[in-house]
N, C-alpha and C. Protein backbone atom coordinates (compact mmCIF):
# COMPACT_ATOMS: atom_id res chain seq x y z
N MET A 1 141.40 -0.15 39.81
CA MET A 1 140.47 -0.47 39.01
C MET A 1 138.98 -0.70 39.60
N ALA A 2 139.21 -0.67 41.02
CA ALA A 2 137.85 -0.86 41.74
C ALA A 2 138.08 -0.33 43.19
N SER A 3 136.98 0.24 43.74
CA SER A 3 137.01 0.83 45.14
C SER A 3 137.54 -0.30 46.07
N ILE A 4 138.42 0.15 47.00
CA ILE A 4 138.60 -0.71 48.20
C ILE A 4 137.42 -0.72 49.14
N SER A 5 137.08 -1.78 49.68
CA SER A 5 135.90 -2.03 50.76
C SER A 5 136.50 -1.54 51.94
N ALA A 6 135.86 -1.07 52.82
CA ALA A 6 135.81 -0.49 54.13
C ALA A 6 136.18 -1.76 55.03
N ILE A 7 137.38 -1.71 55.69
CA ILE A 7 137.62 -2.91 56.58
C ILE A 7 138.27 -2.34 57.94
N GLY A 8 137.77 -2.97 58.82
CA GLY A 8 138.09 -2.57 60.33
C GLY A 8 139.68 -2.74 60.54
N PRO A 9 140.18 -2.27 61.37
CA PRO A 9 141.59 -2.36 61.90
C PRO A 9 141.82 -3.95 62.22
N PRO A 10 142.90 -4.69 61.86
CA PRO A 10 142.88 -6.03 62.38
C PRO A 10 143.38 -6.13 63.57
N SER A 11 142.83 -7.10 64.43
CA SER A 11 143.29 -7.43 65.66
C SER A 11 144.58 -8.14 65.75
N LYS A 12 144.88 -8.82 64.61
CA LYS A 12 146.18 -9.50 64.71
C LYS A 12 147.02 -9.29 63.61
N PRO A 13 148.24 -9.69 63.27
CA PRO A 13 149.12 -9.21 62.35
C PRO A 13 148.57 -9.60 60.77
N VAL A 14 148.72 -8.69 59.99
CA VAL A 14 147.99 -8.90 58.76
C VAL A 14 148.69 -9.82 57.80
N PRO A 15 148.05 -10.90 57.21
CA PRO A 15 148.77 -12.11 56.63
C PRO A 15 149.38 -11.47 55.46
N PRO A 16 150.33 -12.14 55.01
CA PRO A 16 151.25 -11.97 53.68
C PRO A 16 150.13 -12.58 52.61
N SER A 17 150.58 -12.36 51.26
CA SER A 17 149.82 -13.06 50.04
C SER A 17 149.96 -14.49 49.99
N PRO A 18 149.08 -14.98 49.34
CA PRO A 18 149.17 -16.46 48.93
C PRO A 18 150.01 -16.85 47.98
N THR A 19 150.63 -18.08 47.96
CA THR A 19 151.45 -18.71 47.13
C THR A 19 150.94 -19.83 46.39
N PRO A 20 150.81 -19.86 45.20
CA PRO A 20 150.55 -21.04 44.53
C PRO A 20 151.69 -22.30 44.61
N PRO A 21 151.33 -23.35 44.87
CA PRO A 21 152.40 -24.27 45.20
C PRO A 21 153.06 -24.80 43.93
N ALA A 22 154.01 -25.67 43.97
CA ALA A 22 154.82 -26.46 43.06
C ALA A 22 153.66 -27.35 42.41
N THR A 23 153.86 -27.57 41.13
CA THR A 23 152.75 -28.37 40.39
C THR A 23 153.30 -29.45 39.41
N ARG A 24 152.78 -30.35 38.85
CA ARG A 24 153.33 -31.16 37.69
C ARG A 24 152.79 -30.71 36.39
N ARG A 25 153.74 -30.66 35.53
CA ARG A 25 153.11 -30.31 34.21
C ARG A 25 153.92 -31.46 33.16
N ASN A 26 153.04 -31.97 32.41
CA ASN A 26 153.67 -33.07 31.50
C ASN A 26 154.35 -34.18 32.28
N GLY A 27 153.65 -34.52 33.32
CA GLY A 27 154.06 -35.84 34.01
C GLY A 27 155.36 -35.50 35.03
N ALA A 28 156.04 -34.39 34.73
CA ALA A 28 157.30 -34.09 35.50
C ALA A 28 156.96 -33.11 36.62
N ALA A 29 157.65 -33.35 37.72
CA ALA A 29 157.43 -32.40 38.93
C ALA A 29 158.14 -31.07 38.73
N ARG A 30 157.39 -30.18 39.02
CA ARG A 30 158.01 -28.85 38.85
C ARG A 30 158.78 -28.37 40.16
N SER A 31 159.98 -27.87 39.96
CA SER A 31 160.99 -27.53 40.92
C SER A 31 160.14 -26.27 41.73
N GLN A 32 160.86 -26.05 42.95
CA GLN A 32 160.06 -25.04 43.76
C GLN A 32 161.02 -23.66 43.31
N SER A 33 162.20 -23.85 42.76
CA SER A 33 162.77 -22.83 42.04
C SER A 33 162.17 -22.24 40.97
N PRO A 34 162.41 -20.78 40.87
CA PRO A 34 161.67 -20.25 39.61
C PRO A 34 161.82 -20.76 38.25
N GLN A 35 160.80 -20.78 37.58
CA GLN A 35 160.79 -21.30 36.28
C GLN A 35 160.76 -20.10 35.35
N ARG A 36 161.65 -20.17 34.14
CA ARG A 36 161.73 -19.06 33.18
C ARG A 36 160.44 -18.55 32.83
N PRO A 37 159.57 -19.33 32.24
CA PRO A 37 158.37 -18.62 31.74
C PRO A 37 157.32 -18.09 32.53
N ARG A 38 157.40 -18.72 33.74
CA ARG A 38 156.36 -18.29 35.07
C ARG A 38 156.90 -17.66 35.91
N ALA A 39 158.32 -16.99 35.92
CA ALA A 39 158.83 -16.36 36.94
C ALA A 39 158.04 -15.18 37.50
N THR A 40 157.83 -14.36 36.29
CA THR A 40 157.09 -13.12 36.63
C THR A 40 155.51 -13.29 36.92
N LEU A 41 155.08 -14.36 36.84
CA LEU A 41 153.70 -14.71 36.98
C LEU A 41 153.39 -15.23 38.55
N ARG A 42 154.38 -16.12 38.96
CA ARG A 42 154.26 -16.45 40.16
C ARG A 42 155.28 -16.21 41.23
N PRO A 43 155.31 -14.93 41.81
CA PRO A 43 156.25 -14.68 42.65
C PRO A 43 156.28 -15.22 43.94
N ARG A 44 157.25 -15.75 44.65
CA ARG A 44 157.21 -16.61 45.79
C ARG A 44 156.59 -15.76 46.82
N LEU A 45 155.46 -16.18 47.30
CA LEU A 45 154.76 -15.58 48.63
C LEU A 45 154.44 -16.49 49.62
N SER A 46 154.33 -15.97 50.82
CA SER A 46 153.94 -16.95 51.72
C SER A 46 152.29 -17.02 52.08
N LEU A 47 152.10 -18.25 52.62
CA LEU A 47 150.71 -18.47 52.62
C LEU A 47 150.08 -17.72 53.77
N PRO A 48 148.75 -17.59 53.71
CA PRO A 48 148.03 -16.61 54.66
C PRO A 48 148.15 -17.18 56.04
N SER A 49 148.24 -16.32 57.04
CA SER A 49 148.60 -16.56 58.44
C SER A 49 147.25 -16.39 59.24
N SER A 50 146.93 -17.18 60.30
CA SER A 50 145.85 -17.02 61.05
C SER A 50 146.17 -16.16 62.11
N GLY A 51 147.26 -15.34 62.19
CA GLY A 51 147.41 -14.46 63.27
C GLY A 51 148.83 -14.91 64.04
N SER A 52 149.44 -15.87 63.70
CA SER A 52 150.59 -16.44 64.22
C SER A 52 151.45 -16.80 63.12
N SER A 53 152.59 -17.70 63.47
CA SER A 53 153.31 -18.30 62.40
C SER A 53 152.91 -19.44 61.72
N VAL A 54 151.70 -19.95 62.40
CA VAL A 54 151.11 -21.20 61.50
C VAL A 54 150.21 -20.74 60.54
N PRO A 55 150.36 -21.38 59.38
CA PRO A 55 149.55 -20.89 58.23
C PRO A 55 147.97 -21.47 58.65
N ALA A 56 147.05 -20.66 58.03
CA ALA A 56 145.56 -20.87 58.15
C ALA A 56 145.17 -22.42 58.13
N ILE A 57 145.84 -22.80 57.00
CA ILE A 57 145.41 -24.15 56.57
C ILE A 57 145.75 -25.15 57.70
N ARG A 58 146.54 -24.82 58.53
CA ARG A 58 146.80 -25.82 59.78
C ARG A 58 146.18 -25.30 61.00
N GLY A 59 145.55 -24.30 60.87
CA GLY A 59 144.88 -23.76 62.11
C GLY A 59 143.44 -24.42 62.39
N LYS A 60 142.97 -24.12 63.51
CA LYS A 60 141.60 -24.60 63.86
C LYS A 60 140.57 -23.77 63.25
N ASP A 61 140.93 -22.57 62.76
CA ASP A 61 139.65 -21.74 62.58
C ASP A 61 139.63 -21.43 60.89
N TYR A 62 140.54 -22.18 60.09
CA TYR A 62 140.65 -21.81 58.84
C TYR A 62 139.16 -21.98 58.05
N GLY A 63 138.74 -21.29 57.24
CA GLY A 63 137.60 -21.37 56.55
C GLY A 63 136.42 -20.67 57.60
N LYS A 64 136.71 -20.23 58.61
CA LYS A 64 135.90 -19.63 59.69
C LYS A 64 136.03 -18.21 59.34
N SER A 65 137.21 -17.20 59.01
CA SER A 65 137.24 -15.88 59.05
C SER A 65 137.95 -15.58 57.60
N LYS A 66 137.61 -14.40 57.07
CA LYS A 66 138.16 -13.99 55.78
C LYS A 66 139.34 -13.42 56.02
N MET A 67 140.32 -13.81 54.89
CA MET A 67 141.77 -13.14 55.11
C MET A 67 141.60 -12.08 54.08
N ARG A 68 142.29 -10.99 54.65
CA ARG A 68 142.59 -9.71 53.92
C ARG A 68 144.14 -9.55 53.54
N TYR A 69 144.27 -9.49 52.21
CA TYR A 69 145.73 -9.33 51.85
C TYR A 69 146.16 -7.75 51.69
N PRO A 70 147.12 -7.40 52.27
CA PRO A 70 147.44 -5.80 52.16
C PRO A 70 148.04 -5.37 50.86
N ASP A 71 148.50 -6.37 50.21
CA ASP A 71 148.94 -5.99 48.71
C ASP A 71 147.79 -6.13 47.69
N TYR A 72 146.75 -6.48 48.02
CA TYR A 72 145.70 -6.79 47.10
C TYR A 72 144.68 -5.71 47.09
N THR A 73 144.09 -5.33 46.01
CA THR A 73 142.99 -4.31 46.24
C THR A 73 141.59 -5.15 46.24
N GLU A 74 140.70 -4.66 47.04
CA GLU A 74 139.52 -5.30 47.27
C GLU A 74 138.32 -4.53 46.81
N THR A 75 137.39 -5.06 45.98
CA THR A 75 136.29 -4.39 45.37
C THR A 75 135.07 -4.32 46.27
N ASP A 76 133.96 -3.77 45.82
CA ASP A 76 132.77 -3.69 46.66
C ASP A 76 132.23 -5.15 46.87
N SER A 77 132.54 -5.89 45.85
CA SER A 77 131.87 -7.16 45.91
C SER A 77 132.50 -8.35 46.98
N GLY A 78 133.68 -7.99 47.25
CA GLY A 78 134.56 -8.76 48.07
C GLY A 78 135.84 -9.46 47.43
N LEU A 79 135.71 -9.27 45.98
CA LEU A 79 136.99 -9.82 45.25
C LEU A 79 137.97 -9.14 45.46
N GLN A 80 139.25 -9.88 45.85
CA GLN A 80 140.61 -9.22 45.95
C GLN A 80 141.52 -9.60 44.75
N TYR A 81 142.08 -8.54 44.30
CA TYR A 81 142.93 -8.85 43.18
C TYR A 81 144.12 -8.19 43.24
N LYS A 82 145.39 -8.66 42.36
CA LYS A 82 146.60 -8.00 42.03
C LYS A 82 146.91 -8.17 40.74
N ASP A 83 147.30 -7.01 40.20
CA ASP A 83 148.02 -7.20 38.61
C ASP A 83 149.23 -7.52 38.66
N LEU A 84 149.71 -8.63 38.23
CA LEU A 84 150.92 -9.17 38.10
C LEU A 84 151.68 -8.53 36.77
N ARG A 85 150.81 -8.27 35.89
CA ARG A 85 151.27 -7.56 34.57
C ARG A 85 150.25 -6.76 34.24
N VAL A 86 150.28 -5.32 34.33
CA VAL A 86 149.16 -4.45 33.69
C VAL A 86 149.28 -4.43 32.08
N GLY A 87 148.03 -4.77 31.48
CA GLY A 87 148.05 -4.85 29.84
C GLY A 87 147.91 -3.38 29.45
N ASP A 88 148.55 -3.35 28.00
CA ASP A 88 148.61 -2.21 27.55
C ASP A 88 147.53 -2.10 26.27
N GLY A 89 146.61 -2.96 26.20
CA GLY A 89 145.68 -2.86 25.19
C GLY A 89 144.29 -2.56 25.84
N PRO A 90 143.27 -2.52 25.17
CA PRO A 90 141.98 -2.30 25.35
C PRO A 90 141.37 -3.11 26.55
N THR A 91 140.36 -2.57 26.99
CA THR A 91 139.55 -3.29 28.08
C THR A 91 138.19 -4.04 27.55
N PRO A 92 137.98 -5.04 27.61
CA PRO A 92 136.72 -5.58 27.03
C PRO A 92 135.50 -4.97 27.33
N LYS A 93 134.42 -5.00 26.41
CA LYS A 93 133.37 -4.29 26.71
C LYS A 93 132.29 -5.32 26.80
N ALA A 94 131.08 -5.25 27.37
CA ALA A 94 129.83 -6.23 27.31
C ALA A 94 129.40 -6.64 25.92
N GLY A 95 129.52 -7.68 25.76
CA GLY A 95 129.13 -8.28 24.49
C GLY A 95 130.26 -9.00 23.70
N GLU A 96 131.39 -8.53 24.12
CA GLU A 96 132.66 -8.89 23.53
C GLU A 96 133.12 -10.19 23.96
N THR A 97 133.73 -11.10 23.14
CA THR A 97 134.21 -12.40 23.76
C THR A 97 135.76 -12.36 23.97
N VAL A 98 136.19 -12.81 25.05
CA VAL A 98 137.58 -12.94 25.45
C VAL A 98 138.14 -14.02 25.57
N VAL A 99 139.25 -14.15 25.13
CA VAL A 99 140.24 -15.42 25.32
C VAL A 99 141.20 -15.34 26.30
N VAL A 100 141.03 -16.18 27.27
CA VAL A 100 142.05 -16.03 28.27
C VAL A 100 142.75 -17.36 28.60
N ASP A 101 143.68 -17.43 29.30
CA ASP A 101 144.57 -18.40 30.00
C ASP A 101 144.37 -18.57 31.48
N TRP A 102 144.24 -19.67 32.15
CA TRP A 102 144.15 -19.47 33.44
C TRP A 102 144.65 -20.67 34.31
N ASP A 103 145.03 -20.38 35.58
CA ASP A 103 145.41 -21.57 36.46
C ASP A 103 144.46 -21.28 37.63
N GLY A 104 144.02 -22.50 38.44
CA GLY A 104 143.32 -22.33 39.51
C GLY A 104 143.94 -23.30 40.83
N TYR A 105 143.83 -22.46 42.12
CA TYR A 105 144.11 -23.19 43.05
C TYR A 105 143.26 -23.29 44.34
N THR A 106 143.03 -24.25 45.14
CA THR A 106 142.11 -24.40 46.17
C THR A 106 142.91 -23.59 47.49
N ILE A 107 143.13 -22.36 47.31
CA ILE A 107 144.02 -21.88 48.48
C ILE A 107 143.64 -22.03 49.68
N GLY A 108 142.31 -22.28 49.98
CA GLY A 108 141.85 -22.46 51.21
C GLY A 108 142.07 -23.85 51.80
N TYR A 109 142.58 -24.84 50.94
CA TYR A 109 142.86 -26.03 51.44
C TYR A 109 144.21 -26.67 50.81
N TYR A 110 145.26 -26.24 51.36
CA TYR A 110 146.50 -26.79 51.16
C TYR A 110 147.14 -26.31 49.80
N GLY A 111 146.42 -25.24 49.50
CA GLY A 111 146.88 -24.75 48.00
C GLY A 111 146.98 -25.91 46.90
N ARG A 112 145.98 -26.67 46.84
CA ARG A 112 146.10 -27.70 45.69
C ARG A 112 145.53 -27.22 44.48
N ILE A 113 146.34 -27.47 43.46
CA ILE A 113 146.07 -26.92 42.17
C ILE A 113 144.92 -27.78 41.43
N PHE A 114 143.96 -27.32 40.67
CA PHE A 114 142.94 -27.81 40.08
C PHE A 114 142.97 -27.61 38.58
N GLU A 115 143.82 -26.50 38.21
CA GLU A 115 143.96 -26.21 36.77
C GLU A 115 145.40 -25.57 36.61
N ALA A 116 146.20 -26.17 35.73
CA ALA A 116 147.35 -25.73 35.30
C ALA A 116 147.57 -25.80 33.84
N ARG A 117 147.43 -24.68 33.28
CA ARG A 117 147.46 -24.65 31.88
C ARG A 117 148.96 -24.88 31.37
N ASN A 118 149.21 -25.82 30.37
CA ASN A 118 150.48 -25.92 29.90
C ASN A 118 150.81 -24.95 28.64
N LYS A 119 150.78 -23.74 28.96
CA LYS A 119 151.03 -22.63 28.03
C LYS A 119 152.15 -21.74 28.64
N THR A 120 153.04 -21.10 27.76
CA THR A 120 153.87 -20.39 28.02
C THR A 120 153.27 -18.75 28.33
N LYS A 121 153.38 -18.34 29.57
CA LYS A 121 152.63 -17.15 29.67
C LYS A 121 153.70 -15.94 29.67
N GLY A 122 153.07 -14.76 29.42
CA GLY A 122 153.96 -13.59 29.12
C GLY A 122 154.32 -13.22 27.60
N GLY A 123 153.88 -14.38 26.70
CA GLY A 123 154.27 -14.02 25.41
C GLY A 123 152.97 -13.67 24.52
N SER A 124 153.17 -13.62 23.41
CA SER A 124 151.95 -12.87 22.43
C SER A 124 151.14 -14.06 22.21
N PHE A 125 150.03 -13.75 21.80
CA PHE A 125 148.99 -14.93 21.76
C PHE A 125 149.19 -15.54 20.37
N GLU A 126 149.48 -16.80 20.53
CA GLU A 126 149.67 -17.73 19.47
C GLU A 126 148.83 -18.81 19.50
N GLY A 127 148.50 -19.56 18.31
CA GLY A 127 147.80 -20.84 18.25
C GLY A 127 146.23 -20.55 17.92
N ASN A 128 145.48 -21.54 18.19
CA ASN A 128 144.02 -21.52 17.78
C ASN A 128 143.38 -21.28 19.23
N ASP A 129 142.17 -20.40 18.98
CA ASP A 129 141.47 -20.00 20.22
C ASP A 129 140.96 -21.00 20.98
N LYS A 130 140.94 -22.23 20.48
CA LYS A 130 140.17 -23.46 21.11
C LYS A 130 141.29 -24.21 22.06
N ASP A 131 142.45 -23.55 21.95
CA ASP A 131 143.47 -24.00 22.89
C ASP A 131 143.23 -23.39 24.29
N PHE A 132 142.67 -22.20 24.10
CA PHE A 132 142.42 -21.56 25.37
C PHE A 132 140.95 -21.35 25.82
N PHE A 133 140.53 -20.98 26.99
CA PHE A 133 139.32 -20.51 27.38
C PHE A 133 138.89 -19.20 26.89
N LYS A 134 137.49 -19.31 26.42
CA LYS A 134 136.93 -18.10 26.09
C LYS A 134 135.35 -17.85 26.61
N PHE A 135 135.06 -16.85 26.67
CA PHE A 135 133.52 -16.32 27.17
C PHE A 135 133.23 -15.03 26.98
N LYS A 136 131.86 -14.66 26.82
CA LYS A 136 131.41 -13.38 26.45
C LYS A 136 131.15 -12.64 27.60
N ILE A 137 131.65 -11.41 27.63
CA ILE A 137 131.45 -10.68 28.97
C ILE A 137 129.94 -10.27 28.96
N GLY A 138 129.42 -10.42 30.25
CA GLY A 138 128.16 -9.99 30.49
C GLY A 138 127.14 -11.04 30.31
N SER A 139 127.55 -12.30 29.82
CA SER A 139 126.74 -13.31 29.55
C SER A 139 126.48 -14.19 30.77
N GLN A 140 127.10 -13.94 31.74
CA GLN A 140 127.03 -14.76 32.97
C GLN A 140 127.43 -16.52 32.91
N GLU A 141 128.48 -16.34 31.82
CA GLU A 141 128.89 -17.84 31.53
C GLU A 141 129.92 -18.47 32.82
N VAL A 142 130.53 -17.45 33.48
CA VAL A 142 131.40 -17.99 34.21
C VAL A 142 131.23 -17.13 35.64
N ILE A 143 131.76 -17.68 36.61
CA ILE A 143 131.57 -17.37 38.04
C ILE A 143 131.71 -15.84 38.37
N PRO A 144 131.12 -15.02 39.22
CA PRO A 144 131.15 -13.67 39.33
C PRO A 144 132.40 -13.22 39.35
N ALA A 145 133.14 -13.69 40.22
CA ALA A 145 134.84 -13.21 40.37
C ALA A 145 135.53 -13.29 39.17
N PHE A 146 135.33 -14.21 38.28
CA PHE A 146 136.09 -14.46 37.19
C PHE A 146 135.60 -13.27 36.03
N GLU A 147 134.37 -12.88 35.90
CA GLU A 147 133.75 -12.08 35.03
C GLU A 147 134.21 -10.50 35.47
N GLU A 148 134.12 -10.52 36.77
CA GLU A 148 134.55 -9.08 37.34
C GLU A 148 135.97 -8.78 37.10
N ALA A 149 136.80 -9.78 37.28
CA ALA A 149 138.26 -9.69 37.13
C ALA A 149 138.38 -9.35 35.69
N VAL A 150 138.02 -10.09 34.77
CA VAL A 150 138.40 -9.96 33.31
C VAL A 150 138.08 -8.67 32.79
N ALA A 151 136.63 -8.29 33.37
CA ALA A 151 136.00 -7.10 32.66
C ALA A 151 136.85 -5.66 32.94
N GLY A 152 137.56 -6.01 34.06
CA GLY A 152 138.54 -4.85 34.57
C GLY A 152 139.99 -4.77 34.02
N MET A 153 140.26 -6.01 33.22
CA MET A 153 141.72 -6.03 32.63
C MET A 153 142.00 -5.33 31.47
N ALA A 154 143.10 -5.01 31.06
CA ALA A 154 143.46 -4.56 29.76
C ALA A 154 144.00 -5.72 29.05
N LEU A 155 144.04 -5.67 27.90
CA LEU A 155 144.58 -6.74 26.83
C LEU A 155 146.09 -6.95 27.20
N GLY A 156 146.53 -8.11 27.19
CA GLY A 156 147.93 -8.65 27.70
C GLY A 156 148.32 -8.50 29.14
N GLY A 157 147.20 -8.28 30.02
CA GLY A 157 147.39 -8.09 31.31
C GLY A 157 147.33 -9.64 32.03
N VAL A 158 148.10 -9.67 33.30
CA VAL A 158 147.81 -10.93 33.96
C VAL A 158 147.55 -10.51 35.44
N ARG A 159 146.29 -10.94 36.00
CA ARG A 159 145.79 -10.91 37.12
C ARG A 159 145.65 -11.90 38.15
N ARG A 160 145.93 -11.78 39.36
CA ARG A 160 145.62 -12.82 40.23
C ARG A 160 144.50 -12.35 41.38
N ILE A 161 143.66 -13.23 41.50
CA ILE A 161 142.50 -12.96 42.29
C ILE A 161 142.21 -14.09 43.22
N ILE A 162 141.64 -13.46 44.56
CA ILE A 162 141.35 -14.38 45.46
C ILE A 162 139.85 -14.36 45.49
N VAL A 163 139.30 -15.39 45.45
CA VAL A 163 137.70 -15.67 45.37
C VAL A 163 137.02 -16.21 46.56
N PRO A 164 136.27 -15.52 47.34
CA PRO A 164 135.58 -16.04 48.28
C PRO A 164 134.54 -16.75 47.92
N PRO A 165 133.88 -17.64 48.71
CA PRO A 165 132.80 -18.65 48.24
C PRO A 165 131.73 -18.02 47.45
N GLU A 166 131.21 -16.80 48.17
CA GLU A 166 130.14 -16.17 47.43
C GLU A 166 130.22 -15.65 46.27
N LEU A 167 131.43 -15.60 45.52
CA LEU A 167 131.62 -15.16 44.43
C LEU A 167 132.30 -16.32 43.40
N GLY A 168 132.33 -17.53 43.97
CA GLY A 168 132.86 -18.80 43.28
C GLY A 168 131.64 -19.35 42.55
N TYR A 169 131.87 -20.59 42.54
CA TYR A 169 130.87 -21.77 42.01
C TYR A 169 129.61 -21.73 42.52
N PRO A 170 128.42 -21.55 41.86
CA PRO A 170 127.15 -21.73 42.47
C PRO A 170 126.67 -23.08 42.88
N GLU A 171 126.15 -23.05 44.24
CA GLU A 171 125.68 -24.41 44.83
C GLU A 171 126.78 -25.16 44.77
N ASN A 172 128.15 -24.71 44.88
CA ASN A 172 129.35 -25.60 45.09
C ASN A 172 129.44 -26.60 44.16
N ASP A 173 129.05 -26.29 42.81
CA ASP A 173 129.15 -27.24 41.72
C ASP A 173 129.70 -26.76 40.57
N TYR A 174 130.92 -27.05 40.24
CA TYR A 174 131.72 -26.50 39.24
C TYR A 174 131.03 -26.73 37.84
N ASN A 175 130.01 -27.73 37.63
CA ASN A 175 129.35 -28.01 36.38
C ASN A 175 128.26 -26.84 35.95
N LYS A 176 127.96 -26.00 37.06
CA LYS A 176 126.92 -25.12 36.93
C LYS A 176 127.33 -23.78 36.32
N SER A 177 128.83 -23.53 36.17
CA SER A 177 129.35 -22.26 35.75
C SER A 177 130.85 -22.57 35.50
N SER A 178 131.50 -21.73 34.53
CA SER A 178 132.77 -21.93 34.09
C SER A 178 133.62 -20.88 34.99
N PRO A 179 134.98 -21.16 34.87
CA PRO A 179 135.57 -22.02 34.15
C PRO A 179 135.85 -23.24 34.82
N LYS A 180 135.78 -24.20 34.08
CA LYS A 180 135.83 -25.86 34.58
C LYS A 180 137.51 -26.25 34.44
N PRO A 181 137.72 -27.21 35.41
CA PRO A 181 139.07 -27.95 35.31
C PRO A 181 138.90 -28.79 33.87
N THR A 182 140.14 -28.87 33.57
CA THR A 182 140.14 -29.53 32.11
C THR A 182 140.51 -31.14 32.20
N THR A 183 140.95 -31.51 33.59
CA THR A 183 141.48 -32.94 33.81
C THR A 183 140.70 -33.35 34.82
N PHE A 184 140.58 -34.68 34.67
CA PHE A 184 140.03 -35.55 35.89
C PHE A 184 140.46 -35.25 37.15
N SER A 185 141.90 -35.18 37.30
CA SER A 185 142.37 -34.87 38.74
C SER A 185 142.18 -33.65 39.31
N GLY A 186 142.08 -32.53 38.41
CA GLY A 186 141.57 -31.12 38.59
C GLY A 186 140.10 -31.07 39.13
N GLN A 187 139.38 -31.87 38.39
CA GLN A 187 137.85 -31.89 38.56
C GLN A 187 137.74 -32.45 40.10
N ARG A 188 138.38 -33.54 40.23
CA ARG A 188 138.31 -34.10 41.64
C ARG A 188 138.67 -33.39 42.92
N ALA A 189 139.83 -32.57 42.51
CA ALA A 189 140.28 -31.73 43.67
C ALA A 189 139.19 -30.64 43.91
N LEU A 190 138.87 -29.86 42.81
CA LEU A 190 137.99 -28.81 43.05
C LEU A 190 136.64 -29.34 43.76
N ASP A 191 136.16 -30.54 43.11
CA ASP A 191 134.91 -30.90 43.67
C ASP A 191 134.95 -31.46 45.24
N PHE A 192 136.11 -32.04 45.54
CA PHE A 192 136.32 -32.29 47.06
C PHE A 192 136.23 -31.16 47.92
N VAL A 193 136.75 -29.98 47.58
CA VAL A 193 136.60 -28.79 48.42
C VAL A 193 135.31 -28.31 48.23
N LEU A 194 134.76 -28.08 47.14
CA LEU A 194 133.35 -27.49 47.03
C LEU A 194 132.17 -28.47 47.80
N ARG A 195 132.44 -29.57 47.76
CA ARG A 195 131.26 -30.39 48.44
C ARG A 195 131.49 -30.92 49.95
N ASN A 196 132.49 -30.50 50.40
CA ASN A 196 132.77 -30.59 51.89
C ASN A 196 132.18 -29.32 52.74
N GLN A 197 130.90 -29.39 52.88
CA GLN A 197 130.30 -28.34 53.47
C GLN A 197 130.73 -28.06 54.97
N GLY A 198 131.14 -26.89 55.21
CA GLY A 198 131.36 -26.34 56.67
C GLY A 198 132.75 -26.95 56.96
N LEU A 199 133.46 -27.67 56.46
CA LEU A 199 134.61 -28.44 56.81
C LEU A 199 135.94 -28.07 56.24
N ILE A 200 135.77 -27.43 55.06
CA ILE A 200 136.97 -26.75 54.28
C ILE A 200 136.71 -25.37 53.70
N ASP A 201 137.86 -24.70 53.84
CA ASP A 201 137.63 -23.33 53.37
C ASP A 201 137.61 -23.25 51.87
N LYS A 202 136.68 -22.77 51.33
CA LYS A 202 136.26 -22.88 49.74
C LYS A 202 137.03 -21.79 49.15
N THR A 203 137.78 -20.90 49.66
CA THR A 203 138.37 -19.72 48.98
C THR A 203 139.25 -20.27 47.96
N LEU A 204 139.35 -19.62 46.63
CA LEU A 204 139.96 -20.21 45.54
C LEU A 204 141.00 -19.07 45.06
N LEU A 205 142.00 -19.38 44.40
CA LEU A 205 142.87 -18.40 43.74
C LEU A 205 142.98 -18.85 42.48
N PHE A 206 142.95 -17.88 41.38
CA PHE A 206 143.04 -17.75 39.98
C PHE A 206 144.17 -16.86 39.52
N ASP A 207 145.00 -17.19 38.55
CA ASP A 207 145.75 -16.60 37.71
C ASP A 207 144.96 -16.28 36.42
N ILE A 208 144.95 -15.17 35.88
CA ILE A 208 144.28 -14.93 34.64
C ILE A 208 145.09 -14.30 33.60
N GLU A 209 145.30 -14.56 32.45
CA GLU A 209 145.82 -13.83 31.43
C GLU A 209 144.84 -13.40 30.31
N LEU A 210 144.76 -12.13 30.02
CA LEU A 210 143.74 -11.74 28.91
C LEU A 210 144.71 -11.85 27.55
N LEU A 211 144.15 -12.89 26.80
CA LEU A 211 145.02 -12.86 25.44
C LEU A 211 144.44 -12.24 24.42
N LYS A 212 143.11 -12.11 24.25
CA LYS A 212 142.50 -11.60 22.93
C LYS A 212 141.13 -11.11 23.18
N ILE A 213 140.73 -9.96 22.52
CA ILE A 213 139.48 -9.79 22.60
C ILE A 213 138.78 -9.73 21.20
N ILE A 214 137.50 -10.55 21.16
CA ILE A 214 136.86 -10.55 19.77
C ILE A 214 135.62 -9.86 19.87
N GLN A 215 135.66 -8.74 19.09
CA GLN A 215 134.42 -7.95 18.95
C GLN A 215 133.27 -8.63 18.50
N SER A 216 132.20 -8.24 18.87
CA SER A 216 130.77 -8.90 18.46
C SER A 216 130.28 -8.30 17.25
């Protein structure tokens, strides 16, 4: 869907893909074992490595160097993405409104979740549009990585993206651009990472499902 940036040969072992951690939904702890509705969305993958068996989040240089994941496609902008499910519908055009479901993780800081939508992934779109997040393609309502990812998806697809800080929230403030966490705990988790200048890796991970395209 996009060209792969030129990257020099790694001097250390190439890191495997990141894994969203177990989360809580509806007040109950989610098990680490696969959940039926999410099984195809969240394959168990190991956290990125800093070149040894120690995850980057425990290393001394996390946040200092960019991780490159071999099973992801990297675009010219620096966005890395993987299609967990390729859609079979149309691709949204500029000016059209898209309805999406999404999850978000602070992948660079202990994989903490800041948004976990309590929706069944993988099924057909049901319910009112207001239950999900929507925005207009080309309107710059969302962070650059989010718009780039969705603009390249087909209806019904699910895409996982790794977002470097330069494609994330402007001025490290989630209030300046969407998508925004919908809970206080999620807002606090994301804000903590974004506002700790130079101390925490601000790389984020999103899972996005394109549910509906509304023509202008």
